[in-house]
Amino acid sequence: MQLTLEFGGGLELLCDSIKIHKVNINLPNESDILTMKDLLSWVRTNLIKERPEMFMKGDTVRPGVLVLVNDCDWELSGQLDTTLEDKDVIVFISTLHGG
């Protein structure tokens, strides 16, 4: 499954300062669907190069990280249970800034 992942608001610094990643992800074992929970696990393992605690807390994103799936807030589509499809665009934006 091909996805576009975008990181902003400082989160790109955790991924070698690369904002946009076009990735191919194999579907989980014996499944024909990919959920946001699966994707977050994949991102933590394959894209986050440093300080994963700044991106994730437990199995989900940290508070203060806005997640959009095809320009729609993931809170409207089921958060971790959101089903992803080929060519989806997922955006992660940190809303927390130092002062």
PDB file of N, CA and C in Angstrom:
ATOM      1  N   MET A   1       0.841  -1.166   0.000  1.00  0.00           N
ATOM      2  CA  MET A   1       0.000   0.000   0.000  1.00  0.00           C
ATOM      3  C   MET A   1       0.893   1.237   0.000  1.00  0.00           C
ATOM      4  N   GLN A   2       0.639   2.144  -0.928  1.00  0.00           N
ATOM      5  CA  GLN A   2       1.431   3.368  -1.019  1.00  0.00           C
ATOM      6  C   GLN A   2       0.718   4.495  -0.284  1.00  0.00           C
ATOM      7  N   LEU A   3       1.450   5.151   0.619  1.00  0.00           N
ATOM      8  CA  LEU A   3       0.918   6.266   1.390  1.00  0.00           C
ATOM      9  C   LEU A   3       1.877   7.435   1.319  1.00  0.00           C
ATOM     10  N   THR A   4       1.343   8.638   1.500  1.00  0.00           N
ATOM     11  CA  THR A   4       2.169   9.828   1.645  1.00  0.00           C
ATOM     12  C   THR A   4       2.027  10.292   3.082  1.00  0.00           C
ATOM     13  N   LEU A   5       3.159  10.408   3.774  1.00  0.00           N
ATOM     14  CA  LEU A   5       3.180  10.857   5.157  1.00  0.00           C
ATOM     15  C   LEU A   5       3.880  12.203   5.213  1.00  0.00           C
ATOM     16  N   GLU A   6       3.241  13.181   5.846  1.00  0.00           N
ATOM     17  CA  GLU A   6       3.806  14.519   5.970  1.00  0.00           C
ATOM     18  C   GLU A   6       3.949  14.864   7.444  1.00  0.00           C
ATOM     19  N   PHE A   7       5.092  15.442   7.796  1.00  0.00           N
ATOM     20  CA  PHE A   7       5.375  15.826   9.173  1.00  0.00           C
ATOM     21  C   PHE A   7       5.649  17.322   9.206  1.00  0.00           C
ATOM     22  N   GLY A   8       5.015  18.024  10.156  1.00  0.00           N
ATOM     23  CA  GLY A   8       5.197  19.467  10.255  1.00  0.00           C
ATOM     24  C   GLY A   8       5.181  19.934  11.698  1.00  0.00           C
ATOM     25  N   GLY A   9       5.395  21.238  11.874  1.00  0.00           N
ATOM     26  CA  GLY A   9       5.384  21.832  13.206  1.00  0.00           C
ATOM     27  C   GLY A   9       6.550  21.403  14.065  1.00  0.00           C
ATOM     28  N   GLY A  10       7.619  20.939  13.437  1.00  0.00           N
ATOM     29  CA  GLY A  10       8.800  20.477  14.158  1.00  0.00           C
ATOM     30  C   GLY A  10       8.956  18.967  14.179  1.00  0.00           C
ATOM     31  N   LEU A  11       7.896  18.219  13.886  1.00  0.00           N
ATOM     32  CA  LEU A  11       7.997  16.754  13.904  1.00  0.00           C
ATOM     33  C   LEU A  11       8.944  16.226  12.832  1.00  0.00           C
ATOM     34  N   GLU A  12       9.130  17.003  11.762  1.00  0.00           N
ATOM     35  CA  GLU A  12      10.045  16.561  10.706  1.00  0.00           C
ATOM     36  C   GLU A  12      11.467  16.390  11.231  1.00  0.00           C
ATOM     37  N   LEU A  13      11.808  17.103  12.316  1.00  0.00           N
ATOM     38  CA  LEU A  13      13.143  16.987  12.896  1.00  0.00           C
ATOM     39  C   LEU A  13      13.402  15.587  13.448  1.00  0.00           C
ATOM     40  N   LEU A  14      12.343  14.864  13.782  1.00  0.00           N
ATOM     41  CA  LEU A  14      12.484  13.498  14.288  1.00  0.00           C
ATOM     42  C   LEU A  14      12.715  12.495  13.157  1.00  0.00           C
ATOM     43  N   CYS A  15      12.509  12.946  11.914  1.00  0.00           N
ATOM     44  CA  CYS A  15      12.616  12.075  10.728  1.00  0.00           C
ATOM     45  C   CYS A  15      13.708  12.596   9.790  1.00  0.00           C
ATOM     46  N   ASP A  16      14.860  12.902  10.336  1.00  0.00           N
ATOM     47  CA  ASP A  16      15.985  13.412   9.543  1.00  0.00           C
ATOM     48  C   ASP A  16      15.635  14.674   8.765  1.00  0.00           C
ATOM     49  N   SER A  17      14.752  15.506   9.317  1.00  0.00           N
ATOM     50  CA  SER A  17      14.348  16.791   8.726  1.00  0.00           C
ATOM     51  C   SER A  17      13.692  16.648   7.355  1.00  0.00           C
ATOM     52  N   ILE A  18      13.118  15.480   7.087  1.00  0.00           N
ATOM     53  CA  ILE A  18      12.398  15.254   5.835  1.00  0.00           C
ATOM     54  C   ILE A  18      10.913  15.392   6.126  1.00  0.00           C
ATOM     55  N   LYS A  19      10.263  16.341   5.437  1.00  0.00           N
ATOM     56  CA  LYS A  19       8.853  16.630   5.709  1.00  0.00           C
ATOM     57  C   LYS A  19       7.898  15.644   5.045  1.00  0.00           C
ATOM     58  N   ILE A  20       8.187  15.228   3.816  1.00  0.00           N
ATOM     59  CA  ILE A  20       7.258  14.380   3.069  1.00  0.00           C
ATOM     60  C   ILE A  20       7.924  13.041   2.758  1.00  0.00           C
ATOM     61  N   HIS A  21       7.228  11.977   3.105  1.00  0.00           N
ATOM     62  CA  HIS A  21       7.711  10.624   2.870  1.00  0.00           C
ATOM     63  C   HIS A  21       6.672   9.874   2.044  1.00  0.00           C
ATOM     64  N   LYS A  22       7.082   9.348   0.909  1.00  0.00           N
ATOM     65  CA  LYS A  22       6.216   8.459   0.114  1.00  0.00           C
ATOM     66  C   LYS A  22       6.677   7.049   0.453  1.00  0.00           C
ATOM     67  N   VAL A  23       5.785   6.280   1.071  1.00  0.00           N
ATOM     68  CA  VAL A  23       6.180   4.973   1.586  1.00  0.00           C
ATOM     69  C   VAL A  23       5.277   3.875   1.034  1.00  0.00           C
ATOM     70  N   ASN A  24       5.827   2.683   0.992  1.00  0.00           N
ATOM     71  CA  ASN A  24       5.070   1.483   0.660  1.00  0.00           C
ATOM     72  C   ASN A  24       5.058   0.609   1.899  1.00  0.00           C
ATOM     73  N   ILE A  25       3.869   0.233   2.339  1.00  0.00           N
ATOM     74  CA  ILE A  25       3.725  -0.536   3.567  1.00  0.00           C
ATOM     75  C   ILE A  25       3.005  -1.834   3.251  1.00  0.00           C
ATOM     76  N   ASN A  26       3.587  -2.928   3.712  1.00  0.00           N
ATOM     77  CA  ASN A  26       2.932  -4.225   3.567  1.00  0.00           C
ATOM     78  C   ASN A  26       1.809  -4.320   4.583  1.00  0.00           C
ATOM     79  N   LEU A  27       0.725  -4.929   4.190  1.00  0.00           N
ATOM     80  CA  LEU A  27      -0.419  -5.084   5.090  1.00  0.00           C
ATOM     81  C   LEU A  27      -0.065  -6.036   6.223  1.00  0.00           C
ATOM     82  N   PRO A  28      -0.657  -5.821   7.405  1.00  0.00           N
ATOM     83  CA  PRO A  28      -0.374  -6.707   8.546  1.00  0.00           C
ATOM     84  C   PRO A  28      -0.707  -8.163   8.222  1.00  0.00           C
ATOM     85  N   ASN A  29      -0.142  -9.052   8.985  1.00  0.00           N
ATOM     86  CA  ASN A  29      -0.349 -10.496   8.775  1.00  0.00           C
ATOM     87  C   ASN A  29      -1.823 -10.860   8.678  1.00  0.00           C
ATOM     88  N   GLU A  30      -2.138 -11.647   7.667  1.00  0.00           N
ATOM     89  CA  GLU A  30      -3.477 -12.198   7.467  1.00  0.00           C
ATOM     90  C   GLU A  30      -4.571 -11.133   7.457  1.00  0.00           C
ATOM     91  N   SER A  31      -4.246  -9.940   7.003  1.00  0.00           N
ATOM     92  CA  SER A  31      -5.231  -8.867   7.002  1.00  0.00           C
ATOM     93  C   SER A  31      -5.211  -8.180   5.653  1.00  0.00           C
ATOM     94  N   ASP A  32      -6.347  -7.663   5.255  1.00  0.00           N
ATOM     95  CA  ASP A  32      -6.386  -6.909   4.009  1.00  0.00           C
ATOM     96  C   ASP A  32      -6.643  -5.435   4.279  1.00  0.00           C
ATOM     97  N   ILE A  33      -6.536  -5.040   5.564  1.00  0.00           N
ATOM     98  CA  ILE A  33      -6.705  -3.630   5.907  1.00  0.00           C
ATOM     99  C   ILE A  33      -5.511  -3.130   6.706  1.00  0.00           C
ATOM    100  N   LEU A  34      -5.295  -1.837   6.619  1.00  0.00           N
ATOM    101  CA  LEU A  34      -4.256  -1.170   7.397  1.00  0.00           C
ATOM    102  C   LEU A  34      -4.941  -0.087   8.207  1.00  0.00           C
ATOM    103  N   THR A  35      -4.739  -0.104   9.515  1.00  0.00           N
ATOM    104  CA  THR A  35      -5.344   0.909  10.381  1.00  0.00           C
ATOM    105  C   THR A  35      -4.284   1.922  10.805  1.00  0.00           C
ATOM    106  N   MET A  36      -4.749   3.022  11.370  1.00  0.00           N
ATOM    107  CA  MET A  36      -3.821   4.032  11.876  1.00  0.00           C
ATOM    108  C   MET A  36      -2.938   3.456  12.974  1.00  0.00           C
ATOM    109  N   LYS A  37      -3.472   2.542  13.769  1.00  0.00           N
ATOM    110  CA  LYS A  37      -2.657   1.909  14.811  1.00  0.00           C
ATOM    111  C   LYS A  37      -1.484   1.165  14.184  1.00  0.00           C
ATOM    112  N   ASP A  38      -1.744   0.431  13.096  1.00  0.00           N
ATOM    113  CA  ASP A  38      -0.678  -0.271  12.379  1.00  0.00           C
ATOM    114  C   ASP A  38       0.333   0.729  11.816  1.00  0.00           C
ATOM    115  N   LEU A  39      -0.186   1.811  11.236  1.00  0.00           N
ATOM    116  CA  LEU A  39       0.699   2.810  10.624  1.00  0.00           C
ATOM    117  C   LEU A  39       1.592   3.468  11.666  1.00  0.00           C
ATOM    118  N   LEU A  40       1.046   3.833  12.807  1.00  0.00           N
ATOM    119  CA  LEU A  40       1.854   4.487  13.839  1.00  0.00           C
ATOM    120  C   LEU A  40       2.975   3.576  14.313  1.00  0.00           C
ATOM    121  N   SER A  41       2.698   2.302  14.461  1.00  0.00           N
ATOM    122  CA  SER A  41       3.737   1.350  14.838  1.00  0.00           C
ATOM    123  C   SER A  41       4.824   1.300  13.769  1.00  0.00           C
ATOM    124  N   TRP A  42       4.413   1.295  12.495  1.00  0.00           N
ATOM    125  CA  TRP A  42       5.366   1.268  11.390  1.00  0.00           C
ATOM    126  C   TRP A  42       6.213   2.544  11.376  1.00  0.00           C
ATOM    127  N   VAL A  43       5.576   3.696  11.589  1.00  0.00           N
ATOM    128  CA  VAL A  43       6.297   4.976  11.600  1.00  0.00           C
ATOM    129  C   VAL A  43       7.333   4.982  12.707  1.00  0.00           C
ATOM    130  N   ARG A  44       6.960   4.533  13.902  1.00  0.00           N
ATOM    131  CA  ARG A  44       7.895   4.519  15.026  1.00  0.00           C
ATOM    132  C   ARG A  44       9.110   3.653  14.702  1.00  0.00           C
ATOM    133  N   THR A  45       8.877   2.517  14.057  1.00  0.00           N
ATOM    134  CA  THR A  45       9.972   1.594  13.750  1.00  0.00           C
ATOM    135  C   THR A  45      10.821   2.048  12.567  1.00  0.00           C
ATOM    136  N   ASN A  46      10.202   2.631  11.534  1.00  0.00           N
ATOM    137  CA  ASN A  46      10.898   2.873  10.276  1.00  0.00           C
ATOM    138  C   ASN A  46      11.253   4.326   9.954  1.00  0.00           C
ATOM    139  N   LEU A  47      10.554   5.291  10.521  1.00  0.00           N
ATOM    140  CA  LEU A  47      10.814   6.692  10.145  1.00  0.00           C
ATOM    141  C   LEU A  47      11.397   7.540  11.258  1.00  0.00           C
ATOM    142  N   ILE A  48      10.951   7.329  12.487  1.00  0.00           N
ATOM    143  CA  ILE A  48      11.412   8.159  13.597  1.00  0.00           C
ATOM    144  C   ILE A  48      12.856   7.777  13.920  1.00  0.00           C
ATOM    145  N   LYS A  49      13.750   8.748  13.773  1.00  0.00           N
ATOM    146  CA  LYS A  49      15.180   8.473  13.964  1.00  0.00           C
ATOM    147  C   LYS A  49      15.672   8.844  15.356  1.00  0.00           C
ATOM    148  N   GLU A  50      14.968   9.753  16.033  1.00  0.00           N
ATOM    149  CA  GLU A  50      15.387  10.157  17.363  1.00  0.00           C
ATOM    150  C   GLU A  50      14.181  10.604  18.173  1.00  0.00           C
ATOM    151  N   ARG A  51      14.273  10.510  19.457  1.00  0.00           N
ATOM    152  CA  ARG A  51      13.256  10.948  20.413  1.00  0.00           C
ATOM    153  C   ARG A  51      11.829  10.538  20.042  1.00  0.00           C
ATOM    154  N   PRO A  52      11.560   9.244  19.913  1.00  0.00           N
ATOM    155  CA  PRO A  52      10.205   8.805  19.560  1.00  0.00           C
ATOM    156  C   PRO A  52       9.156   9.253  20.581  1.00  0.00           C
ATOM    157  N   GLU A  53       9.589   9.528  21.812  1.00  0.00           N
ATOM    158  CA  GLU A  53       8.651   9.983  22.845  1.00  0.00           C
ATOM    159  C   GLU A  53       8.080  11.364  22.537  1.00  0.00           C
ATOM    160  N   MET A  54       8.713  12.098  21.625  1.00  0.00           N
ATOM    161  CA  MET A  54       8.186  13.400  21.215  1.00  0.00           C
ATOM    162  C   MET A  54       7.049  13.248  20.200  1.00  0.00           C
ATOM    163  N   PHE A  55       6.918  12.057  19.625  1.00  0.00           N
ATOM    164  CA  PHE A  55       5.881  11.793  18.620  1.00  0.00           C
ATOM    165  C   PHE A  55       4.768  10.907  19.174  1.00  0.00           C
ATOM    166  N   MET A  56       5.155   9.891  19.937  1.00  0.00           N
ATOM    167  CA  MET A  56       4.169   8.916  20.409  1.00  0.00           C
ATOM    168  C   MET A  56       4.201   8.761  21.919  1.00  0.00           C
ATOM    169  N   LYS A  57       3.036   8.430  22.461  1.00  0.00           N
ATOM    170  CA  LYS A  57       2.903   8.071  23.872  1.00  0.00           C
ATOM    171  C   LYS A  57       2.060   6.808  23.891  1.00  0.00           C
ATOM    172  N   GLY A  58       2.658   5.697  24.270  1.00  0.00           N
ATOM    173  CA  GLY A  58       1.970   4.407  24.198  1.00  0.00           C
ATOM    174  C   GLY A  58       1.773   4.013  22.740  1.00  0.00           C
ATOM    175  N   ASP A  59       0.545   3.659  22.374  1.00  0.00           N
ATOM    176  CA  ASP A  59       0.244   3.225  21.007  1.00  0.00           C
ATOM    177  C   ASP A  59      -0.291   4.338  20.118  1.00  0.00           C
ATOM    178  N   THR A  60      -0.366   5.566  20.627  1.00  0.00           N
ATOM    179  CA  THR A  60      -0.956   6.653  19.847  1.00  0.00           C
ATOM    180  C   THR A  60      -0.025   7.863  19.830  1.00  0.00           C
ATOM    181  N   VAL A  61      -0.425   8.892  19.132  1.00  0.00           N
ATOM    182  CA  VAL A  61       0.394  10.104  19.088  1.00  0.00           C
ATOM    183  C   VAL A  61       0.270  10.841  20.413  1.00  0.00           C
ATOM    184  N   ARG A  62       1.262  11.654  20.711  1.00  0.00           N
ATOM    185  CA  ARG A  62       1.230  12.445  21.936  1.00  0.00           C
ATOM    186  C   ARG A  62       0.130  13.496  21.866  1.00  0.00           C
ATOM    187  N   PRO A  63      -0.379  13.913  23.008  1.00  0.00           N
ATOM    188  CA  PRO A  63      -1.301  15.055  22.995  1.00  0.00           C
ATOM    189  C   PRO A  63      -0.598  16.257  22.366  1.00  0.00           C
ATOM    190  N   GLY A  64      -1.309  17.008  21.563  1.00  0.00           N
ATOM    191  CA  GLY A  64      -0.710  18.158  20.890  1.00  0.00           C
ATOM    192  C   GLY A  64      -0.270  17.866  19.472  1.00  0.00           C
ATOM    193  N   VAL A  65      -0.435  16.618  19.010  1.00  0.00           N
ATOM    194  CA  VAL A  65      -0.122  16.266  17.623  1.00  0.00           C
ATOM    195  C   VAL A  65      -1.442  16.138  16.861  1.00  0.00           C
ATOM    196  N   LEU A  66      -1.635  17.010  15.896  1.00  0.00           N
ATOM    197  CA  LEU A  66      -2.815  16.973  15.042  1.00  0.00           C
ATOM    198  C   LEU A  66      -2.578  15.958  13.938  1.00  0.00           C
ATOM    199  N   VAL A  67      -3.556  15.080  13.721  1.00  0.00           N
ATOM    200  CA  VAL A  67      -3.438  14.053  12.679  1.00  0.00           C
ATOM    201  C   VAL A  67      -4.567  14.257  11.679  1.00  0.00           C
ATOM    202  N   LEU A  68      -4.198  14.380  10.413  1.00  0.00           N
ATOM    203  CA  LEU A  68      -5.172  14.517   9.335  1.00  0.00           C
ATOM    204  C   LEU A  68      -5.022  13.342   8.382  1.00  0.00           C
ATOM    205  N   VAL A  69      -6.149  12.750   8.013  1.00  0.00           N
ATOM    206  CA  VAL A  69      -6.168  11.689   7.005  1.00  0.00           C
ATOM    207  C   VAL A  69      -6.958  12.241   5.829  1.00  0.00           C
ATOM    208  N   ASN A  70      -6.269  12.470   4.723  1.00  0.00           N
ATOM    209  CA  ASN A  70      -6.887  13.086   3.541  1.00  0.00           C
ATOM    210  C   ASN A  70      -7.594  14.388   3.914  1.00  0.00           C
ATOM    211  N   ASP A  71      -6.883  15.244   4.659  1.00  0.00           N
ATOM    212  CA  ASP A  71      -7.355  16.565   5.079  1.00  0.00           C
ATOM    213  C   ASP A  71      -8.521  16.537   6.054  1.00  0.00           C
ATOM    214  N   CYS A  72      -8.798  15.396   6.670  1.00  0.00           N
ATOM    215  CA  CYS A  72      -9.875  15.269   7.659  1.00  0.00           C
ATOM    216  C   CYS A  72      -9.261  14.890   9.006  1.00  0.00           C
ATOM    217  N   ASP A  73      -9.661  15.579  10.062  1.00  0.00           N
ATOM    218  CA  ASP A  73      -9.173  15.271  11.402  1.00  0.00           C
ATOM    219  C   ASP A  73      -9.488  13.811  11.734  1.00  0.00           C
ATOM    220  N   TRP A  74      -8.480  13.090  12.178  1.00  0.00           N
ATOM    221  CA  TRP A  74      -8.671  11.659  12.419  1.00  0.00           C
ATOM    222  C   TRP A  74      -9.638  11.384  13.561  1.00  0.00           C
ATOM    223  N   GLU A  75      -9.926  12.388  14.387  1.00  0.00           N
ATOM    224  CA  GLU A  75     -10.905  12.214  15.451  1.00  0.00           C
ATOM    225  C   GLU A  75     -12.306  12.002  14.883  1.00  0.00           C
ATOM    226  N   LEU A  76     -12.527  12.436  13.656  1.00  0.00           N
ATOM    227  CA  LEU A  76     -13.821  12.258  13.006  1.00  0.00           C
ATOM    228  C   LEU A  76     -13.931  10.916  12.287  1.00  0.00           C
ATOM    229  N   SER A  77     -12.799  10.228  12.130  1.00  0.00           N
ATOM    230  CA  SER A  77     -12.830   8.975  11.365  1.00  0.00           C
ATOM    231  C   SER A  77     -12.473   7.743  12.190  1.00  0.00           C
ATOM    232  N   GLY A  78     -12.326   7.906  13.514  1.00  0.00           N
ATOM    233  CA  GLY A  78     -12.091   6.726  14.346  1.00  0.00           C
ATOM    234  C   GLY A  78     -10.726   6.626  14.972  1.00  0.00           C
ATOM    235  N   GLN A  79      -9.896   7.638  14.849  1.00  0.00           N
ATOM    236  CA  GLN A  79      -8.542   7.674  15.407  1.00  0.00           C
ATOM    237  C   GLN A  79      -7.757   6.409  15.084  1.00  0.00           C
ATOM    238  N   LEU A  80      -7.371   5.619  16.090  1.00  0.00           N
ATOM    239  CA  LEU A  80      -6.526   4.445  15.852  1.00  0.00           C
ATOM    240  C   LEU A  80      -7.205   3.397  14.980  1.00  0.00           C
ATOM    241  N   ASP A  81      -8.528   3.387  14.949  1.00  0.00           N
ATOM    242  CA  ASP A  81      -9.259   2.397  14.147  1.00  0.00           C
ATOM    243  C   ASP A  81      -9.517   2.862  12.719  1.00  0.00           C
ATOM    244  N   THR A  82      -9.060   4.058  12.369  1.00  0.00           N
ATOM    245  CA  THR A  82      -9.249   4.569  11.013  1.00  0.00           C
ATOM    246  C   THR A  82      -8.617   3.610  10.017  1.00  0.00           C
ATOM    247  N   THR A  83      -9.388   3.192   9.020  1.00  0.00           N
ATOM    248  CA  THR A  83      -8.890   2.300   7.976  1.00  0.00           C
ATOM    249  C   THR A  83      -8.269   3.136   6.867  1.00  0.00           C
ATOM    250  N   LEU A  84      -7.051   2.768   6.490  1.00  0.00           N
ATOM    251  CA  LEU A  84      -6.343   3.494   5.435  1.00  0.00           C
ATOM    252  C   LEU A  84      -6.478   2.764   4.111  1.00  0.00           C
ATOM    253  N   GLU A  85      -6.426   3.545   3.035  1.00  0.00           N
ATOM    254  CA  GLU A  85      -6.504   2.997   1.690  1.00  0.00           C
ATOM    255  C   GLU A  85      -5.295   3.440   0.881  1.00  0.00           C
ATOM    256  N   ASP A  86      -5.034   2.731  -0.195  1.00  0.00           N
ATOM    257  CA  ASP A  86      -3.925   3.057  -1.074  1.00  0.00           C
ATOM    258  C   ASP A  86      -4.012   4.517  -1.527  1.00  0.00           C
ATOM    259  N   LYS A  87      -2.884   5.201  -1.513  1.00  0.00           N
ATOM    260  CA  LYS A  87      -2.745   6.601  -1.956  1.00  0.00           C
ATOM    261  C   LYS A  87      -3.257   7.621  -0.939  1.00  0.00           C
ATOM    262  N   ASP A  88      -3.607   7.205   0.269  1.00  0.00           N
ATOM    263  CA  ASP A  88      -4.034   8.161   1.289  1.00  0.00           C
ATOM    264  C   ASP A  88      -2.865   9.068   1.667  1.00  0.00           C
ATOM    265  N   VAL A  89      -3.219  10.260   2.150  1.00  0.00           N
ATOM    266  CA  VAL A  89      -2.234  11.229   2.627  1.00  0.00           C
ATOM    267  C   VAL A  89      -2.503  11.449   4.111  1.00  0.00           C
ATOM    268  N   ILE A  90      -1.478  11.184   4.928  1.00  0.00           N
ATOM    269  CA  ILE A  90      -1.609  11.343   6.370  1.00  0.00           C
ATOM    270  C   ILE A  90      -0.632  12.435   6.813  1.00  0.00           C
ATOM    271  N   VAL A  91      -1.157  13.427   7.527  1.00  0.00           N
ATOM    272  CA  VAL A  91      -0.358  14.570   7.960  1.00  0.00           C
ATOM    273  C   VAL A  91      -0.302  14.573   9.488  1.00  0.00           C
ATOM    274  N   PHE A  92       0.893  14.759  10.008  1.00  0.00           N
ATOM    275  CA  PHE A  92       1.119  14.888  11.451  1.00  0.00           C
ATOM    276  C   PHE A  92       1.707  16.272  11.709  1.00  0.00           C
ATOM    277  N   ILE A  93       1.030  17.074  12.538  1.00  0.00           N
ATOM    278  CA  ILE A  93       1.484  18.426  12.819  1.00  0.00           C
ATOM    279  C   ILE A  93       1.523  18.629  14.327  1.00  0.00           C
ATOM    280  N   SER A  94       2.671  19.054  14.839  1.00  0.00           N
ATOM    281  CA  SER A  94       2.760  19.382  16.253  1.00  0.00           C
ATOM    282  C   SER A  94       2.166  20.767  16.464  1.00  0.00           C
ATOM    283  N   THR A  95       1.286  20.864  17.451  1.00  0.00           N
ATOM    284  CA  THR A  95       0.700  22.165  17.776  1.00  0.00           C
ATOM    285  C   THR A  95       1.367  22.773  19.002  1.00  0.00           C
ATOM    286  N   LEU A  96       2.394  22.096  19.515  1.00  0.00           N
ATOM    287  CA  LEU A  96       3.100  22.572  20.696  1.00  0.00           C
ATOM    288  C   LEU A  96       4.374  23.298  20.283  1.00  0.00           C
ATOM    289  N   HIS A  97       4.558  24.474  20.798  1.00  0.00           N
ATOM    290  CA  HIS A  97       5.733  25.284  20.452  1.00  0.00           C
ATOM    291  C   HIS A  97       6.312  25.893  21.733  1.00  0.00           C
ATOM    292  N   GLY A  98       7.611  25.996  21.763  1.00  0.00           N
ATOM    293  CA  GLY A  98       8.274  26.638  22.890  1.00  0.00           C
ATOM    294  C   GLY A  98       8.074  28.154  22.836  1.00  0.00           C
ATOM    295  N   GLY A  99       8.320  28.805  23.939  1.00  0.00           N
ATOM    296  CA  GLY A  99       8.062  30.242  23.955  1.00  0.00           C
ATOM    297  C   GLY A  99       9.135  31.042  24.589  1.00  0.00           C
TER     298      GLY A  99
END
